[in-house]
Structure formats: C-alpha cells, structure tokens
Amino acid sequence: MADVAALQAQLDTLKSAYRSGTRSLEYDGRSITYTSGEEMRAAIASLQNEIAQITGTTTPTVAVVRSMKGY
C-alpha cells in the first residue's frame, strides 16, 4: 500500500495533466497514457477514494429529493 504523500503526489500530477489536456504522464518512473478524459476522471476519483480510506475521511455525497403532489 502506498503512503498518503505518494498518492497525493500522483493525484496532483493527474489533476494537473487533466486540466492541461495532457493524456500522457510520468510518475515514479512509469509512463501512462489515458485514452479519454473519462478515464482520467475515473483515475482521479479512484485516487481520491483511496486517500479518503487511508486517512479515515469521507468523500462528500449529494442527494437530490424530488416530490410531486400527484395531480
């Protein structure tokens, strides 16, 4: 299991690449190329969840409630 600092560094690198439109990046001596922004967003979410689990924090959840009278 990686430590939080290493995971945070990977997350920061991935977010920076996503914002700049770069699909290929390197960290820890490895090179990875993402095929789409969707794939990068999934990787970002995965890293965020992993960091949250290690640190014991939770990721924010949003719920939407709708109701109608029915007539």
PDB file of N, CA and C in Angstrom:
ATOM      1  N   MET A   1       0.842  -1.174   0.000  1.00  0.00           N
ATOM      2  CA  MET A   1       0.000   0.000   0.000  1.00  0.00           C
ATOM      3  C   MET A   1       0.891   1.242   0.000  1.00  0.00           C
ATOM      4  N   ALA A   2       0.558   2.196  -0.816  1.00  0.00           N
ATOM      5  CA  ALA A   2       1.322   3.436  -0.913  1.00  0.00           C
ATOM      6  C   ALA A   2       0.952   4.368   0.241  1.00  0.00           C
ATOM      7  N   ASP A   3       1.874   5.252   0.579  1.00  0.00           N
ATOM      8  CA  ASP A   3       1.547   6.198   1.632  1.00  0.00           C
ATOM      9  C   ASP A   3       0.765   7.377   1.063  1.00  0.00           C
ATOM     10  N   VAL A   4       0.181   8.145   1.953  1.00  0.00           N
ATOM     11  CA  VAL A   4      -0.702   9.240   1.557  1.00  0.00           C
ATOM     12  C   VAL A   4       0.041  10.290   0.741  1.00  0.00           C
ATOM     13  N   ALA A   5       1.279  10.588   1.107  1.00  0.00           N
ATOM     14  CA  ALA A   5       2.046  11.604   0.384  1.00  0.00           C
ATOM     15  C   ALA A   5       2.276  11.190  -1.070  1.00  0.00           C
ATOM     16  N   ALA A   6       2.593   9.915  -1.287  1.00  0.00           N
ATOM     17  CA  ALA A   6       2.811   9.427  -2.655  1.00  0.00           C
ATOM     18  C   ALA A   6       1.512   9.451  -3.447  1.00  0.00           C
ATOM     19  N   LEU A   7       0.418   9.034  -2.815  1.00  0.00           N
ATOM     20  CA  LEU A   7      -0.878   9.057  -3.501  1.00  0.00           C
ATOM     21  C   LEU A   7      -1.299  10.487  -3.826  1.00  0.00           C
ATOM     22  N   GLN A   8      -1.056  11.417  -2.891  1.00  0.00           N
ATOM     23  CA  GLN A   8      -1.411  12.816  -3.120  1.00  0.00           C
ATOM     24  C   GLN A   8      -0.585  13.398  -4.257  1.00  0.00           C
ATOM     25  N   ALA A   9       0.679  13.025  -4.345  1.00  0.00           N
ATOM     26  CA  ALA A   9       1.535  13.492  -5.439  1.00  0.00           C
ATOM     27  C   ALA A   9       1.014  12.971  -6.784  1.00  0.00           C
ATOM     28  N   GLN A  10       0.608  11.705  -6.815  1.00  0.00           N
ATOM     29  CA  GLN A  10       0.037  11.137  -8.048  1.00  0.00           C
ATOM     30  C   GLN A  10      -1.250  11.864  -8.413  1.00  0.00           C
ATOM     31  N   LEU A  11      -2.091  12.130  -7.410  1.00  0.00           N
ATOM     32  CA  LEU A  11      -3.358  12.825  -7.651  1.00  0.00           C
ATOM     33  C   LEU A  11      -3.111  14.228  -8.191  1.00  0.00           C
ATOM     34  N   ASP A  12      -2.173  14.945  -7.594  1.00  0.00           N
ATOM     35  CA  ASP A  12      -1.862  16.304  -8.052  1.00  0.00           C
ATOM     36  C   ASP A  12      -1.345  16.295  -9.488  1.00  0.00           C
ATOM     37  N   THR A  13      -0.477  15.331  -9.810  1.00  0.00           N
ATOM     38  CA  THR A  13       0.054  15.209 -11.173  1.00  0.00           C
ATOM     39  C   THR A  13      -1.060  14.904 -12.159  1.00  0.00           C
ATOM     40  N   LEU A  14      -1.950  14.002 -11.784  1.00  0.00           N
ATOM     41  CA  LEU A  14      -3.050  13.611 -12.661  1.00  0.00           C
ATOM     42  C   LEU A  14      -4.029  14.761 -12.882  1.00  0.00           C
ATOM     43  N   LYS A  15      -4.352  15.493 -11.824  1.00  0.00           N
ATOM     44  CA  LYS A  15      -5.255  16.647 -11.953  1.00  0.00           C
ATOM     45  C   LYS A  15      -4.643  17.719 -12.839  1.00  0.00           C
ATOM     46  N   SER A  16      -3.367  17.978 -12.663  1.00  0.00           N
ATOM     47  CA  SER A  16      -2.680  18.977 -13.475  1.00  0.00           C
ATOM     48  C   SER A  16      -2.690  18.573 -14.949  1.00  0.00           C
ATOM     49  N   ALA A  17      -2.423  17.307 -15.222  1.00  0.00           N
ATOM     50  CA  ALA A  17      -2.433  16.818 -16.602  1.00  0.00           C
ATOM     51  C   ALA A  17      -3.835  16.912 -17.189  1.00  0.00           C
ATOM     52  N   TYR A  18      -4.848  16.578 -16.397  1.00  0.00           N
ATOM     53  CA  TYR A  18      -6.230  16.644 -16.871  1.00  0.00           C
ATOM     54  C   TYR A  18      -6.613  18.074 -17.243  1.00  0.00           C
ATOM     55  N   ARG A  19      -6.261  19.019 -16.362  1.00  0.00           N
ATOM     56  CA  ARG A  19      -6.599  20.421 -16.627  1.00  0.00           C
ATOM     57  C   ARG A  19      -5.874  20.966 -17.853  1.00  0.00           C
ATOM     58  N   SER A  20      -4.674  20.487 -18.115  1.00  0.00           N
ATOM     59  CA  SER A  20      -3.915  21.000 -19.256  1.00  0.00           C
ATOM     60  C   SER A  20      -4.241  20.263 -20.555  1.00  0.00           C
ATOM     61  N   GLY A  21      -5.012  19.179 -20.462  1.00  0.00           N
ATOM     62  CA  GLY A  21      -5.373  18.429 -21.659  1.00  0.00           C
ATOM     63  C   GLY A  21      -4.357  17.369 -22.050  1.00  0.00           C
ATOM     64  N   THR A  22      -3.368  17.146 -21.202  1.00  0.00           N
ATOM     65  CA  THR A  22      -2.344  16.147 -21.471  1.00  0.00           C
ATOM     66  C   THR A  22      -2.888  14.764 -21.156  1.00  0.00           C
ATOM     67  N   ARG A  23      -2.681  13.818 -22.073  1.00  0.00           N
ATOM     68  CA  ARG A  23      -3.173  12.457 -21.857  1.00  0.00           C
ATOM     69  C   ARG A  23      -2.068  11.495 -21.437  1.00  0.00           C
ATOM     70  N   SER A  24      -0.813  11.877 -21.612  1.00  0.00           N
ATOM     71  CA  SER A  24       0.312  11.031 -21.218  1.00  0.00           C
ATOM     72  C   SER A  24       1.071  11.707 -20.092  1.00  0.00           C
ATOM     73  N   LEU A  25       1.451  10.925 -19.068  1.00  0.00           N
ATOM     74  CA  LEU A  25       2.213  11.488 -17.978  1.00  0.00           C
ATOM     75  C   LEU A  25       3.101  10.426 -17.357  1.00  0.00           C
ATOM     76  N   GLU A  26       4.064  10.892 -16.578  1.00  0.00           N
ATOM     77  CA  GLU A  26       5.022  10.002 -15.920  1.00  0.00           C
ATOM     78  C   GLU A  26       5.098  10.345 -14.447  1.00  0.00           C
ATOM     79  N   TYR A  27       5.147   9.308 -13.623  1.00  0.00           N
ATOM     80  CA  TYR A  27       5.452   9.456 -12.211  1.00  0.00           C
ATOM     81  C   TYR A  27       5.980   8.132 -11.690  1.00  0.00           C
ATOM     82  N   ASP A  28       6.842   8.206 -10.724  1.00  0.00           N
ATOM     83  CA  ASP A  28       7.513   7.032 -10.155  1.00  0.00           C
ATOM     84  C   ASP A  28       8.222   6.207 -11.216  1.00  0.00           C
ATOM     85  N   GLY A  29       8.754   6.856 -12.247  1.00  0.00           N
ATOM     86  CA  GLY A  29       9.489   6.152 -13.286  1.00  0.00           C
ATOM     87  C   GLY A  29       8.619   5.368 -14.250  1.00  0.00           C
ATOM     88  N   ARG A  30       7.305   5.527 -14.141  1.00  0.00           N
ATOM     89  CA  ARG A  30       6.384   4.824 -15.043  1.00  0.00           C
ATOM     90  C   ARG A  30       5.677   5.829 -15.939  1.00  0.00           C
ATOM     91  N   SER A  31       5.356   5.389 -17.143  1.00  0.00           N
ATOM     92  CA  SER A  31       4.643   6.230 -18.090  1.00  0.00           C
ATOM     93  C   SER A  31       3.268   5.629 -18.326  1.00  0.00           C
ATOM     94  N   ILE A  32       2.263   6.484 -18.360  1.00  0.00           N
ATOM     95  CA  ILE A  32       0.905   6.018 -18.611  1.00  0.00           C
ATOM     96  C   ILE A  32       0.211   6.979 -19.566  1.00  0.00           C
ATOM     97  N   THR A  33      -0.582   6.428 -20.473  1.00  0.00           N
ATOM     98  CA  THR A  33      -1.354   7.223 -21.413  1.00  0.00           C
ATOM     99  C   THR A  33      -2.823   6.882 -21.247  1.00  0.00           C
ATOM    100  N   TYR A  34      -3.622   7.891 -20.968  1.00  0.00           N
ATOM    101  CA  TYR A  34      -5.064   7.702 -20.819  1.00  0.00           C
ATOM    102  C   TYR A  34      -5.721   7.932 -22.168  1.00  0.00           C
ATOM    103  N   THR A  35      -6.743   7.152 -22.474  1.00  0.00           N
ATOM    104  CA  THR A  35      -7.396   7.246 -23.781  1.00  0.00           C
ATOM    105  C   THR A  35      -8.436   8.351 -23.835  1.00  0.00           C
ATOM    106  N   SER A  36      -8.954   8.768 -22.674  1.00  0.00           N
ATOM    107  CA  SER A  36     -10.002   9.791 -22.682  1.00  0.00           C
ATOM    108  C   SER A  36     -10.007  10.554 -21.358  1.00  0.00           C
ATOM    109  N   GLY A  37     -10.726  11.657 -21.373  1.00  0.00           N
ATOM    110  CA  GLY A  37     -10.918  12.421 -20.152  1.00  0.00           C
ATOM    111  C   GLY A  37     -11.714  11.631 -19.132  1.00  0.00           C
ATOM    112  N   GLU A  38     -12.636  10.821 -19.615  1.00  0.00           N
ATOM    113  CA  GLU A  38     -13.447   9.970 -18.737  1.00  0.00           C
ATOM    114  C   GLU A  38     -12.554   9.010 -17.940  1.00  0.00           C
ATOM    115  N   GLU A  39     -11.599   8.422 -18.627  1.00  0.00           N
ATOM    116  CA  GLU A  39     -10.679   7.500 -17.969  1.00  0.00           C
ATOM    117  C   GLU A  39      -9.830   8.237 -16.917  1.00  0.00           C
ATOM    118  N   MET A  40      -9.436   9.459 -17.233  1.00  0.00           N
ATOM    119  CA  MET A  40      -8.654  10.250 -16.276  1.00  0.00           C
ATOM    120  C   MET A  40      -9.503  10.627 -15.064  1.00  0.00           C
ATOM    121  N   ARG A  41     -10.763  11.009 -15.297  1.00  0.00           N
ATOM    122  CA  ARG A  41     -11.649  11.347 -14.179  1.00  0.00           C
ATOM    123  C   ARG A  41     -11.870  10.137 -13.277  1.00  0.00           C
ATOM    124  N   ALA A  42     -11.983   8.960 -13.865  1.00  0.00           N
ATOM    125  CA  ALA A  42     -12.143   7.737 -13.080  1.00  0.00           C
ATOM    126  C   ALA A  42     -10.896   7.475 -12.235  1.00  0.00           C
ATOM    127  N   ALA A  43      -9.725   7.715 -12.797  1.00  0.00           N
ATOM    128  CA  ALA A  43      -8.474   7.531 -12.054  1.00  0.00           C
ATOM    129  C   ALA A  43      -8.374   8.545 -10.916  1.00  0.00           C
ATOM    130  N   ILE A  44      -8.789   9.775 -11.169  1.00  0.00           N
ATOM    131  CA  ILE A  44      -8.786  10.812 -10.134  1.00  0.00           C
ATOM    132  C   ILE A  44      -9.720  10.416  -8.994  1.00  0.00           C
ATOM    133  N   ALA A  45     -10.918   9.963  -9.333  1.00  0.00           N
ATOM    134  CA  ALA A  45     -11.885   9.543  -8.306  1.00  0.00           C
ATOM    135  C   ALA A  45     -11.351   8.359  -7.502  1.00  0.00           C
ATOM    136  N   SER A  46     -10.700   7.437  -8.181  1.00  0.00           N
ATOM    137  CA  SER A  46     -10.141   6.270  -7.505  1.00  0.00           C
ATOM    138  C   SER A  46      -9.061   6.677  -6.505  1.00  0.00           C
ATOM    139  N   LEU A  47      -8.176   7.571  -6.915  1.00  0.00           N
ATOM    140  CA  LEU A  47      -7.130   8.050  -6.009  1.00  0.00           C
ATOM    141  C   LEU A  47      -7.727   8.815  -4.826  1.00  0.00           C
ATOM    142  N   GLN A  48      -8.739   9.633  -5.096  1.00  0.00           N
ATOM    143  CA  GLN A  48      -9.375  10.380  -4.018  1.00  0.00           C
ATOM    144  C   GLN A  48     -10.018   9.434  -3.007  1.00  0.00           C
ATOM    145  N   ASN A  49     -10.672   8.386  -3.494  1.00  0.00           N
ATOM    146  CA  ASN A  49     -11.296   7.411  -2.599  1.00  0.00           C
ATOM    147  C   ASN A  49     -10.250   6.655  -1.785  1.00  0.00           C
ATOM    148  N   GLU A  50      -9.142   6.292  -2.426  1.00  0.00           N
ATOM    149  CA  GLU A  50      -8.078   5.572  -1.723  1.00  0.00           C
ATOM    150  C   GLU A  50      -7.471   6.439  -0.624  1.00  0.00           C
ATOM    151  N   ILE A  51      -7.239   7.711  -0.916  1.00  0.00           N
ATOM    152  CA  ILE A  51      -6.705   8.637   0.087  1.00  0.00           C
ATOM    153  C   ILE A  51      -7.706   8.800   1.231  1.00  0.00           C
ATOM    154  N   ALA A  52      -8.983   8.910   0.904  1.00  0.00           N
ATOM    155  CA  ALA A  52     -10.021   9.061   1.928  1.00  0.00           C
ATOM    156  C   ALA A  52     -10.073   7.838   2.838  1.00  0.00           C
ATOM    157  N   GLN A  53      -9.928   6.644   2.268  1.00  0.00           N
ATOM    158  CA  GLN A  53      -9.946   5.430   3.086  1.00  0.00           C
ATOM    159  C   GLN A  53      -8.750   5.375   4.033  1.00  0.00           C
ATOM    160  N   ILE A  54      -7.575   5.748   3.535  1.00  0.00           N
ATOM    161  CA  ILE A  54      -6.371   5.698   4.367  1.00  0.00           C
ATOM    162  C   ILE A  54      -6.443   6.716   5.502  1.00  0.00           C
ATOM    163  N   THR A  55      -6.927   7.917   5.186  1.00  0.00           N
ATOM    164  CA  THR A  55      -6.965   8.977   6.197  1.00  0.00           C
ATOM    165  C   THR A  55      -8.198   8.918   7.078  1.00  0.00           C
ATOM    166  N   GLY A  56      -9.168   8.088   6.706  1.00  0.00           N
ATOM    167  CA  GLY A  56     -10.375   7.957   7.511  1.00  0.00           C
ATOM    168  C   GLY A  56     -11.393   9.051   7.285  1.00  0.00           C
ATOM    169  N   THR A  57     -11.235   9.795   6.215  1.00  0.00           N
ATOM    170  CA  THR A  57     -12.212  10.835   5.878  1.00  0.00           C
ATOM    171  C   THR A  57     -13.201  10.272   4.869  1.00  0.00           C
ATOM    172  N   THR A  58     -14.274  10.987   4.681  1.00  0.00           N
ATOM    173  CA  THR A  58     -15.267  10.553   3.703  1.00  0.00           C
ATOM    174  C   THR A  58     -15.339  11.565   2.571  1.00  0.00           C
ATOM    175  N   THR A  59     -15.740  11.090   1.414  1.00  0.00           N
ATOM    176  CA  THR A  59     -15.942  11.993   0.288  1.00  0.00           C
ATOM    177  C   THR A  59     -17.364  12.529   0.362  1.00  0.00           C
ATOM    178  N   PRO A  60     -17.590  13.783  -0.005  1.00  0.00           N
ATOM    179  CA  PRO A  60     -18.923  14.370   0.081  1.00  0.00           C
ATOM    180  C   PRO A  60     -19.910  13.648  -0.836  1.00  0.00           C
ATOM    181  N   THR A  61     -21.111  13.486  -0.329  1.00  0.00           N
ATOM    182  CA  THR A  61     -22.180  12.861  -1.098  1.00  0.00           C
ATOM    183  C   THR A  61     -23.322  13.864  -1.224  1.00  0.00           C
ATOM    184  N   VAL A  62     -23.907  13.949  -2.407  1.00  0.00           N
ATOM    185  CA  VAL A  62     -25.017  14.856  -2.646  1.00  0.00           C
ATOM    186  C   VAL A  62     -26.246  14.029  -2.968  1.00  0.00           C
ATOM    187  N   ALA A  63     -27.350  14.329  -2.311  1.00  0.00           N
ATOM    188  CA  ALA A  63     -28.608  13.640  -2.575  1.00  0.00           C
ATOM    189  C   ALA A  63     -29.628  14.658  -3.045  1.00  0.00           C
ATOM    190  N   VAL A  64     -30.413  14.271  -4.036  1.00  0.00           N
ATOM    191  CA  VAL A  64     -31.458  15.144  -4.553  1.00  0.00           C
ATOM    192  C   VAL A  64     -32.798  14.464  -4.281  1.00  0.00           C
ATOM    193  N   VAL A  65     -33.697  15.194  -3.655  1.00  0.00           N
ATOM    194  CA  VAL A  65     -35.014  14.665  -3.339  1.00  0.00           C
ATOM    195  C   VAL A  65     -36.036  15.440  -4.159  1.00  0.00           C
ATOM    196  N   ARG A  66     -36.896  14.712  -4.844  1.00  0.00           N
ATOM    197  CA  ARG A  66     -37.961  15.340  -5.611  1.00  0.00           C
ATOM    198  C   ARG A  66     -39.298  14.784  -5.125  1.00  0.00           C
ATOM    199  N   SER A  67     -40.288  15.634  -5.103  1.00  0.00           N
ATOM    200  CA  SER A  67     -41.621  15.149  -4.756  1.00  0.00           C
ATOM    201  C   SER A  67     -42.646  15.922  -5.575  1.00  0.00           C
ATOM    202  N   MET A  68     -43.771  15.281  -5.793  1.00  0.00           N
ATOM    203  CA  MET A  68     -44.875  15.899  -6.516  1.00  0.00           C
ATOM    204  C   MET A  68     -46.166  15.546  -5.770  1.00  0.00           C
ATOM    205  N   LYS A  69     -47.132  16.389  -5.907  1.00  0.00           N
ATOM    206  CA  LYS A  69     -48.402  16.134  -5.241  1.00  0.00           C
ATOM    207  C   LYS A  69     -49.142  14.962  -5.900  1.00  0.00           C
ATOM    208  N   GLY A  70     -48.866  14.733  -7.153  1.00  0.00           N
ATOM    209  CA  GLY A  70     -49.506  13.608  -7.820  1.00  0.00           C
ATOM    210  C   GLY A  70     -50.769  13.959  -8.600  1.00  0.00           C
ATOM    211  N   TYR A  71     -51.120  15.247  -8.686  1.00  0.00           N
ATOM    212  CA  TYR A  71     -52.249  15.605  -9.520  1.00  0.00           C
ATOM    213  C   TYR A  71     -51.976  16.773 -10.338  1.00  0.00           C
TER     214      TYR A  71
END
